[in-house]
């Protein structure tokens, strides 16, 4: 049981390292992480008595 937990811990650590590496290196290979943006304009009515 201890071996399984140890291997799972190793896999989690490797997955975290891989995710961080992909986040930093991904844009060099064409992965675009920026969300699509558009301007939203709404009128605001203030009740000032």
C-alpha atoms as a PDB file:
ATOM      1  CA  UNK A   1       0.000   0.000   0.000  1.00  0.00           C
ATOM      2  CA  UNK A   2       2.888   2.348   0.767  1.00  0.00           C
ATOM      3  CA  UNK A   3       4.377   1.802  -2.693  1.00  0.00           C
ATOM      4  CA  UNK A   4       1.138   2.785  -4.412  1.00  0.00           C
ATOM      5  CA  UNK A   5       0.886   5.997  -2.403  1.00  0.00           C
ATOM      6  CA  UNK A   6       4.530   6.793  -3.126  1.00  0.00           C
ATOM      7  CA  UNK A   7       4.032   6.273  -6.888  1.00  0.00           C
ATOM      8  CA  UNK A   8       0.863   8.363  -6.854  1.00  0.00           C
ATOM      9  CA  UNK A   9       2.754  11.138  -5.090  1.00  0.00           C
ATOM     10  CA  UNK A  10       5.495  10.963  -7.725  1.00  0.00           C
ATOM     11  CA  UNK A  11       2.888  11.128 -10.498  1.00  0.00           C
ATOM     12  CA  UNK A  12       1.189  14.146  -8.922  1.00  0.00           C
ATOM     13  CA  UNK A  13       4.514  15.966  -8.605  1.00  0.00           C
ATOM     14  CA  UNK A  14       5.451  15.159 -12.214  1.00  0.00           C
ATOM     15  CA  UNK A  15       2.021  16.268 -13.433  1.00  0.00           C
ATOM     16  CA  UNK A  16       2.354  19.577 -11.561  1.00  0.00           C
ATOM     17  CA  UNK A  17       5.817  20.157 -13.039  1.00  0.00           C
ATOM     18  CA  UNK A  18       4.482  19.302 -16.505  1.00  0.00           C
ATOM     19  CA  UNK A  19       1.561  21.703 -16.131  1.00  0.00           C
ATOM     20  CA  UNK A  20       3.820  24.561 -15.046  1.00  0.00           C
ATOM     21  CA  UNK A  21       6.247  23.798 -17.882  1.00  0.00           C
ATOM     22  CA  UNK A  22       3.394  23.763 -20.411  1.00  0.00           C
ATOM     23  CA  UNK A  23       2.120  27.085 -19.094  1.00  0.00           C
ATOM     24  CA  UNK A  24       5.524  28.699 -19.596  1.00  0.00           C
ATOM     25  CA  UNK A  25       6.637  26.935 -22.794  1.00  0.00           C
ATOM     26  CA  UNK A  26       3.222  26.537 -24.476  1.00  0.00           C
ATOM     27  CA  UNK A  27       3.069  30.013 -26.068  1.00  0.00           C
ATOM     28  CA  UNK A  28       6.322  29.278 -27.930  1.00  0.00           C
ATOM     29  CA  UNK A  29       4.597  26.323 -29.635  1.00  0.00           C
ATOM     30  CA  UNK A  30       1.399  28.148 -30.583  1.00  0.00           C
ATOM     31  CA  UNK A  31      -0.789  27.575 -27.511  1.00  0.00           C
ATOM     32  CA  UNK A  32      -2.645  30.817 -26.822  1.00  0.00           C
ATOM     33  CA  UNK A  33      -3.932  31.149 -23.251  1.00  0.00           C
ATOM     34  CA  UNK A  34      -5.426  34.632 -23.509  1.00  0.00           C
ATOM     35  CA  UNK A  35      -9.206  34.745 -23.165  1.00  0.00           C
ATOM     36  CA  UNK A  36     -11.237  36.363 -25.925  1.00  0.00           C
ATOM     37  CA  UNK A  37     -12.056  39.929 -24.998  1.00  0.00           C
ATOM     38  CA  UNK A  38     -14.651  42.417 -26.139  1.00  0.00           C
ATOM     39  CA  UNK A  39     -15.741  45.791 -24.826  1.00  0.00           C
ATOM     40  CA  UNK A  40     -19.087  45.904 -23.043  1.00  0.00           C
ATOM     41  CA  UNK A  41     -20.763  49.250 -22.492  1.00  0.00           C
ATOM     42  CA  UNK A  42     -23.893  49.642 -20.341  1.00  0.00           C
ATOM     43  CA  UNK A  43     -25.588  52.879 -19.297  1.00  0.00           C
ATOM     44  CA  UNK A  44     -25.906  53.487 -15.563  1.00  0.00           C
ATOM     45  CA  UNK A  45     -28.819  55.448 -14.068  1.00  0.00           C
ATOM     46  CA  UNK A  46     -28.107  56.934 -10.643  1.00  0.00           C
ATOM     47  CA  UNK A  47     -30.904  57.933  -8.259  1.00  0.00           C
ATOM     48  CA  UNK A  48     -29.555  61.105  -6.673  1.00  0.00           C
ATOM     49  CA  UNK A  49     -32.273  63.097  -4.900  1.00  0.00           C
END
